[in-house]
C-alpha atoms as a PDB file:
ATOM      1  CA  UNK A   1      -6.345  -0.551  14.105  1.00  0.00           C
ATOM      2  CA  UNK A   2      -4.880  -3.298  11.946  1.00  0.00           C
ATOM      3  CA  UNK A   3      -1.502  -2.984  10.249  1.00  0.00           C
ATOM      4  CA  UNK A   4      -1.649  -4.871   6.939  1.00  0.00           C
ATOM      5  CA  UNK A   5       1.465  -6.638   5.623  1.00  0.00           C
ATOM      6  CA  UNK A   6       2.827  -6.279   2.092  1.00  0.00           C
ATOM      7  CA  UNK A   7       1.817  -9.818   1.083  1.00  0.00           C
ATOM      8  CA  UNK A   8      -1.817  -9.152   2.020  1.00  0.00           C
ATOM      9  CA  UNK A   9      -1.865  -5.895   0.021  1.00  0.00           C
ATOM     10  CA  UNK A  10      -0.498  -7.733  -3.007  1.00  0.00           C
ATOM     11  CA  UNK A  11      -3.316 -10.286  -2.847  1.00  0.00           C
ATOM     12  CA  UNK A  12      -5.825  -7.465  -2.285  1.00  0.00           C
ATOM     13  CA  UNK A  13      -4.619  -5.562  -5.354  1.00  0.00           C
ATOM     14  CA  UNK A  14      -4.824  -8.800  -7.364  1.00  0.00           C
ATOM     15  CA  UNK A  15      -8.442  -9.140  -6.151  1.00  0.00           C
ATOM     16  CA  UNK A  16      -7.726 -12.571  -4.669  1.00  0.00           C
ATOM     17  CA  UNK A  17     -10.211 -13.937  -2.177  1.00  0.00           C
ATOM     18  CA  UNK A  18     -10.553 -13.994   0.766  1.00  0.00           C
ATOM     19  CA  UNK A  19      -7.962 -11.201   1.030  1.00  0.00           C
ATOM     20  CA  UNK A  20      -9.885  -8.762  -1.159  1.00  0.00           C
ATOM     21  CA  UNK A  21     -13.264  -8.979   0.601  1.00  0.00           C
ATOM     22  CA  UNK A  22     -11.855  -9.032   4.103  1.00  0.00           C
ATOM     23  CA  UNK A  23      -9.450  -6.139   3.590  1.00  0.00           C
ATOM     24  CA  UNK A  24     -12.108  -4.144   1.710  1.00  0.00           C
ATOM     25  CA  UNK A  25     -14.425  -4.503   4.718  1.00  0.00           C
ATOM     26  CA  UNK A  26     -11.665  -3.408   7.100  1.00  0.00           C
ATOM     27  CA  UNK A  27     -10.825  -0.399   4.931  1.00  0.00           C
ATOM     28  CA  UNK A  28     -14.468   0.633   4.694  1.00  0.00           C
ATOM     29  CA  UNK A  29     -14.812   0.455   8.481  1.00  0.00           C
ATOM     30  CA  UNK A  30     -11.628   2.547   8.945  1.00  0.00           C
ATOM     31  CA  UNK A  31      -9.823  -0.236  10.786  1.00  0.00           C
ATOM     32  CA  UNK A  32      -6.693  -0.298   8.591  1.00  0.00           C
ATOM     33  CA  UNK A  33      -3.477   1.579   9.225  1.00  0.00           C
ATOM     34  CA  UNK A  34      -0.638   1.529   6.705  1.00  0.00           C
ATOM     35  CA  UNK A  35       3.086   1.908   7.295  1.00  0.00           C
ATOM     36  CA  UNK A  36       5.430   3.549   4.846  1.00  0.00           C
ATOM     37  CA  UNK A  37       7.761   0.538   4.906  1.00  0.00           C
ATOM     38  CA  UNK A  38       4.973  -1.635   3.511  1.00  0.00           C
ATOM     39  CA  UNK A  39       3.976   0.915   0.886  1.00  0.00           C
ATOM     40  CA  UNK A  40       7.627   1.464  -0.007  1.00  0.00           C
ATOM     41  CA  UNK A  41       7.779  -2.271  -0.741  1.00  0.00           C
ATOM     42  CA  UNK A  42       4.588  -2.101  -2.799  1.00  0.00           C
ATOM     43  CA  UNK A  43       6.030   0.736  -4.864  1.00  0.00           C
ATOM     44  CA  UNK A  44       8.909  -1.551  -5.815  1.00  0.00           C
ATOM     45  CA  UNK A  45       6.477  -3.734  -7.740  1.00  0.00           C
ATOM     46  CA  UNK A  46       4.943  -0.910  -9.785  1.00  0.00           C
ATOM     47  CA  UNK A  47       5.257  -1.488 -13.508  1.00  0.00           C
ATOM     48  CA  UNK A  48       3.629   1.726 -14.670  1.00  0.00           C
ATOM     49  CA  UNK A  49       2.807   5.241 -13.583  1.00  0.00           C
ATOM     50  CA  UNK A  50      -0.821   4.120 -13.334  1.00  0.00           C
ATOM     51  CA  UNK A  51       0.062   1.442 -10.773  1.00  0.00           C
ATOM     52  CA  UNK A  52       2.256   3.934  -8.914  1.00  0.00           C
ATOM     53  CA  UNK A  53      -0.594   6.447  -8.755  1.00  0.00           C
ATOM     54  CA  UNK A  54      -3.061   3.741  -7.688  1.00  0.00           C
ATOM     55  CA  UNK A  55      -0.931   2.677  -4.722  1.00  0.00           C
ATOM     56  CA  UNK A  56      -0.136   6.255  -3.698  1.00  0.00           C
ATOM     57  CA  UNK A  57      -3.872   7.047  -3.730  1.00  0.00           C
ATOM     58  CA  UNK A  58      -4.351   4.369  -1.088  1.00  0.00           C
ATOM     59  CA  UNK A  59      -1.442   5.842   0.886  1.00  0.00           C
ATOM     60  CA  UNK A  60      -3.028   9.288   0.732  1.00  0.00           C
ATOM     61  CA  UNK A  61      -6.453   8.091   1.866  1.00  0.00           C
ATOM     62  CA  UNK A  62      -5.713   5.667   4.712  1.00  0.00           C
ATOM     63  CA  UNK A  63      -4.457   6.191   8.245  1.00  0.00           C
ATOM     64  CA  UNK A  64      -0.665   6.128   8.062  1.00  0.00           C
ATOM     65  CA  UNK A  65       2.343   5.434  10.245  1.00  0.00           C
ATOM     66  CA  UNK A  66       5.626   6.942   9.168  1.00  0.00           C
ATOM     67  CA  UNK A  67       9.305   6.969   9.941  1.00  0.00           C
ATOM     68  CA  UNK A  68       9.773  10.590   8.920  1.00  0.00           C
ATOM     69  CA  UNK A  69       9.286   9.769   5.241  1.00  0.00           C
ATOM     70  CA  UNK A  70      12.544   7.933   4.666  1.00  0.00           C
ATOM     71  CA  UNK A  71      11.114   4.569   3.630  1.00  0.00           C
ATOM     72  CA  UNK A  72       8.418   5.984   1.370  1.00  0.00           C
ATOM     73  CA  UNK A  73      10.926   8.343  -0.249  1.00  0.00           C
ATOM     74  CA  UNK A  74      13.274   5.415  -0.888  1.00  0.00           C
ATOM     75  CA  UNK A  75      10.449   3.410  -2.461  1.00  0.00           C
ATOM     76  CA  UNK A  76       9.558   6.290  -4.783  1.00  0.00           C
ATOM     77  CA  UNK A  77      13.174   6.752  -5.828  1.00  0.00           C
ATOM     78  CA  UNK A  78      13.670   3.099  -6.619  1.00  0.00           C
ATOM     79  CA  UNK A  79      10.510   2.454  -8.625  1.00  0.00           C
ATOM     80  CA  UNK A  80      10.924   1.129 -12.143  1.00  0.00           C
ATOM     81  CA  UNK A  81       8.696   3.931 -13.457  1.00  0.00           C
ATOM     82  CA  UNK A  82      11.285   6.692 -12.903  1.00  0.00           C
END
């Protein structure tokens, strides 16, 4: 399993190469694990409910590591879309 850092996710979501292709391949081969700290950080950059939903869809569909929900909950509370 590979834990992907926030900066790599940002480049992936911007469809910047080589980040996009390489991470897409890892996701498709189920090699990626995500941590709620990283996704909490990504939620901070959401500028719309659409972006928020997009990122949370990834969270819901990938293998996750958590710290009992505290970091993800904090990210949701602090988003600019609330």
